[in-house]
N, C-alpha and C. Protein backbone atom coordinates (compact mmCIF):
# COMPACT_ATOMS: atom_id res chain seq x y z
N UNK A 1 36.72 -70.59 -72.71
CA UNK A 1 36.92 -70.96 -71.31
C UNK A 1 36.26 -69.86 -70.38
N UNK A 2 35.61 -70.31 -69.43
CA UNK A 2 34.99 -69.41 -68.55
C UNK A 2 35.92 -68.50 -67.68
N UNK A 3 35.60 -67.30 -67.49
CA UNK A 3 36.50 -66.44 -66.79
C UNK A 3 36.89 -66.98 -65.41
N UNK A 4 35.87 -67.59 -64.68
CA UNK A 4 36.16 -68.13 -63.38
C UNK A 4 37.28 -69.27 -63.38
N UNK A 5 37.28 -69.99 -64.44
CA UNK A 5 38.39 -70.92 -64.63
C UNK A 5 39.71 -70.29 -64.58
N UNK A 6 39.77 -69.17 -65.37
CA UNK A 6 41.16 -68.48 -65.43
C UNK A 6 41.50 -67.78 -64.18
N UNK A 7 40.54 -67.23 -63.47
CA UNK A 7 40.85 -66.50 -62.23
C UNK A 7 40.93 -67.23 -61.07
N UNK A 8 40.25 -68.42 -61.07
CA UNK A 8 40.15 -69.26 -59.81
C UNK A 8 41.52 -69.73 -59.25
N UNK A 9 42.40 -70.06 -60.12
CA UNK A 9 43.69 -70.59 -59.77
C UNK A 9 44.56 -69.54 -59.08
N UNK A 10 44.30 -68.24 -59.63
CA UNK A 10 45.09 -67.18 -59.13
C UNK A 10 44.62 -66.80 -57.69
N UNK A 11 43.31 -67.02 -57.43
CA UNK A 11 42.73 -66.59 -56.20
C UNK A 11 43.43 -67.31 -54.97
N UNK A 12 43.74 -68.56 -55.15
CA UNK A 12 44.39 -69.29 -54.08
C UNK A 12 45.88 -69.31 -54.12
N UNK A 13 46.43 -68.42 -54.89
CA UNK A 13 47.79 -68.42 -55.12
C UNK A 13 48.62 -67.82 -53.85
N UNK A 14 47.93 -67.17 -53.03
CA UNK A 14 48.53 -66.51 -51.88
C UNK A 14 49.02 -65.23 -52.15
N UNK A 15 48.67 -64.66 -53.31
CA UNK A 15 49.02 -63.34 -53.71
C UNK A 15 47.84 -62.55 -54.02
N UNK A 16 47.25 -61.83 -53.01
CA UNK A 16 46.12 -61.04 -53.21
C UNK A 16 46.21 -59.96 -54.26
N UNK A 17 47.34 -59.35 -54.35
CA UNK A 17 47.55 -58.36 -55.35
C UNK A 17 47.47 -58.87 -56.74
N UNK A 18 48.05 -60.02 -56.97
CA UNK A 18 47.84 -60.67 -58.24
C UNK A 18 46.51 -61.03 -58.65
N UNK A 19 45.72 -61.48 -57.70
CA UNK A 19 44.29 -61.78 -57.86
C UNK A 19 43.54 -60.43 -58.24
N UNK A 20 43.83 -59.39 -57.61
CA UNK A 20 43.18 -58.13 -57.88
C UNK A 20 43.53 -57.54 -59.32
N UNK A 21 44.78 -57.90 -59.70
CA UNK A 21 45.25 -57.48 -61.06
C UNK A 21 44.44 -58.30 -62.04
N UNK A 22 44.29 -59.65 -61.86
CA UNK A 22 43.39 -60.41 -62.69
C UNK A 22 42.02 -59.94 -62.79
N UNK A 23 41.40 -59.54 -61.61
CA UNK A 23 40.02 -59.09 -61.62
C UNK A 23 39.95 -57.80 -62.42
N UNK A 24 40.80 -56.88 -62.17
CA UNK A 24 40.79 -55.56 -62.90
C UNK A 24 41.06 -55.83 -64.39
N UNK A 25 42.00 -56.65 -64.70
CA UNK A 25 42.36 -57.02 -66.11
C UNK A 25 41.24 -57.59 -66.81
N UNK A 26 40.30 -58.21 -66.12
CA UNK A 26 39.09 -58.94 -66.80
C UNK A 26 38.02 -57.82 -66.87
N UNK A 27 38.29 -56.58 -66.40
CA UNK A 27 37.20 -55.57 -66.58
C UNK A 27 36.25 -55.55 -65.50
N UNK A 28 36.42 -56.31 -64.40
CA UNK A 28 35.54 -56.41 -63.28
C UNK A 28 35.94 -55.41 -62.14
N UNK A 29 34.90 -54.99 -61.50
CA UNK A 29 35.07 -54.02 -60.38
C UNK A 29 35.42 -54.95 -59.04
N UNK A 30 36.38 -54.40 -58.30
CA UNK A 30 36.70 -55.12 -57.10
C UNK A 30 35.47 -55.40 -56.24
N UNK A 31 34.53 -54.63 -56.37
CA UNK A 31 33.20 -54.90 -55.63
C UNK A 31 32.44 -56.17 -56.02
N UNK A 32 32.75 -56.60 -57.28
CA UNK A 32 32.24 -57.78 -57.87
C UNK A 32 32.70 -59.10 -57.10
N UNK A 33 33.76 -58.97 -56.48
CA UNK A 33 34.26 -60.09 -55.75
C UNK A 33 33.57 -60.13 -54.31
N UNK A 34 32.46 -60.67 -54.23
CA UNK A 34 31.65 -60.82 -53.03
C UNK A 34 31.71 -62.31 -52.60
N UNK A 35 30.95 -62.63 -51.57
CA UNK A 35 30.90 -63.99 -51.14
C UNK A 35 30.49 -65.04 -52.16
N UNK A 36 29.52 -64.69 -53.02
CA UNK A 36 29.09 -65.57 -54.13
C UNK A 36 30.21 -65.73 -55.11
N UNK A 37 30.85 -64.73 -55.41
CA UNK A 37 32.06 -64.84 -56.35
C UNK A 37 33.17 -65.68 -55.77
N UNK A 38 33.50 -65.51 -54.51
CA UNK A 38 34.52 -66.30 -54.01
C UNK A 38 34.18 -67.77 -53.87
N UNK A 39 32.94 -68.10 -53.51
CA UNK A 39 32.53 -69.52 -53.43
C UNK A 39 32.42 -70.09 -54.80
N UNK A 40 31.91 -69.39 -55.75
CA UNK A 40 31.84 -69.91 -57.14
C UNK A 40 33.25 -70.14 -57.69
N UNK A 41 34.16 -69.20 -57.37
CA UNK A 41 35.55 -69.29 -57.81
C UNK A 41 36.20 -70.54 -57.29
N UNK A 42 35.96 -70.90 -55.93
CA UNK A 42 36.45 -72.10 -55.49
C UNK A 42 35.90 -73.36 -56.17
N UNK A 43 34.57 -73.23 -56.45
CA UNK A 43 33.87 -74.36 -57.18
C UNK A 43 34.50 -74.63 -58.50
N UNK A 44 34.76 -73.58 -59.27
CA UNK A 44 35.44 -73.75 -60.54
C UNK A 44 36.85 -74.35 -60.37
N UNK A 45 37.62 -73.95 -59.35
CA UNK A 45 38.86 -74.44 -59.10
C UNK A 45 38.76 -75.91 -58.86
N UNK A 46 37.86 -76.34 -58.01
CA UNK A 46 37.71 -77.75 -57.71
C UNK A 46 37.24 -78.56 -58.90
N UNK A 47 36.44 -78.00 -59.80
CA UNK A 47 35.89 -78.65 -61.05
C UNK A 47 36.90 -78.67 -62.15
N UNK A 48 37.90 -77.82 -62.10
CA UNK A 48 38.91 -77.75 -63.18
C UNK A 48 39.59 -79.08 -63.33
N UNK A 49 39.77 -79.56 -64.63
CA UNK A 49 40.23 -80.89 -64.74
C UNK A 49 41.75 -81.06 -64.34
N UNK A 50 42.44 -80.00 -64.33
CA UNK A 50 43.90 -80.04 -63.92
C UNK A 50 44.08 -79.54 -62.46
N UNK A 51 43.08 -79.29 -61.75
CA UNK A 51 43.13 -78.69 -60.41
C UNK A 51 43.78 -79.63 -59.35
N UNK A 52 44.49 -79.16 -58.53
CA UNK A 52 45.13 -80.01 -57.43
C UNK A 52 45.00 -79.21 -56.14
N UNK A 53 43.98 -79.27 -55.46
CA UNK A 53 43.76 -78.58 -54.20
C UNK A 53 44.92 -78.74 -53.16
N UNK A 54 45.36 -80.00 -53.13
CA UNK A 54 46.37 -80.24 -52.06
C UNK A 54 47.72 -79.41 -52.48
N UNK A 55 47.99 -79.35 -53.71
CA UNK A 55 49.11 -78.48 -54.15
C UNK A 55 48.92 -77.04 -53.78
N UNK A 56 47.74 -76.48 -54.05
CA UNK A 56 47.45 -75.11 -53.63
C UNK A 56 47.56 -74.93 -52.20
N UNK A 57 47.13 -75.93 -51.42
CA UNK A 57 47.32 -75.71 -49.92
C UNK A 57 48.64 -75.83 -49.39
N UNK A 58 49.57 -76.52 -50.16
CA UNK A 58 50.94 -76.47 -49.84
C UNK A 58 51.62 -75.15 -50.24
N UNK A 59 51.31 -74.66 -51.42
CA UNK A 59 51.97 -73.40 -51.90
C UNK A 59 51.41 -72.23 -51.05
N UNK A 60 50.08 -72.09 -50.89
CA UNK A 60 49.52 -71.07 -50.11
C UNK A 60 48.55 -71.55 -49.00
N UNK A 61 49.20 -71.92 -47.89
CA UNK A 61 48.25 -72.51 -46.87
C UNK A 61 47.22 -71.53 -46.44
N UNK A 62 45.96 -71.99 -46.12
CA UNK A 62 44.91 -71.09 -45.61
C UNK A 62 45.21 -70.77 -44.22
N UNK A 63 44.57 -69.82 -43.69
CA UNK A 63 44.68 -69.51 -42.20
C UNK A 63 44.27 -70.75 -41.43
N UNK A 64 44.87 -70.88 -40.25
CA UNK A 64 44.65 -72.05 -39.45
C UNK A 64 43.22 -72.41 -39.03
N UNK A 65 42.45 -71.26 -38.94
CA UNK A 65 41.03 -71.42 -38.53
C UNK A 65 40.05 -71.97 -39.59
N UNK A 66 40.57 -72.06 -40.80
CA UNK A 66 39.78 -72.69 -41.89
C UNK A 66 39.67 -74.18 -41.79
N UNK A 67 38.47 -74.55 -41.68
CA UNK A 67 38.18 -76.00 -41.47
C UNK A 67 37.15 -76.55 -42.67
N UNK A 68 36.48 -75.75 -43.32
CA UNK A 68 35.54 -76.18 -44.33
C UNK A 68 35.83 -75.50 -45.68
N UNK A 69 35.22 -76.06 -46.74
CA UNK A 69 35.38 -75.38 -48.06
C UNK A 69 34.83 -74.08 -48.07
N UNK A 70 33.57 -73.86 -47.38
CA UNK A 70 33.04 -72.54 -47.32
C UNK A 70 34.01 -71.57 -46.67
N UNK A 71 34.62 -71.90 -45.68
CA UNK A 71 35.56 -71.07 -44.88
C UNK A 71 36.83 -70.75 -45.81
N UNK A 72 37.17 -71.78 -46.56
CA UNK A 72 38.31 -71.55 -47.46
C UNK A 72 37.89 -70.53 -48.46
N UNK A 73 36.75 -70.66 -49.09
CA UNK A 73 36.32 -69.73 -50.16
C UNK A 73 36.15 -68.31 -49.51
N UNK A 74 35.84 -68.21 -48.33
CA UNK A 74 35.57 -66.92 -47.72
C UNK A 74 36.88 -66.26 -47.14
N UNK A 75 37.94 -67.09 -47.11
CA UNK A 75 39.21 -66.56 -46.57
C UNK A 75 39.95 -65.71 -47.52
């Protein structure tokens, strides 16, 4: 299983500290989490066979100004 599949669900959990723990646990530098990483992470979340974006939005709503998937990935 690809690392992004494993980390992508944690990214939208609404718990940034948990996401950072997963990043560090995977042996990645926090600097590796750039715009490309965040957008690819959202892509993997959307492609995951058991993904439910609506559920994630209920559990951890994005900031009000988020209107697009790109903005969601960058939030």
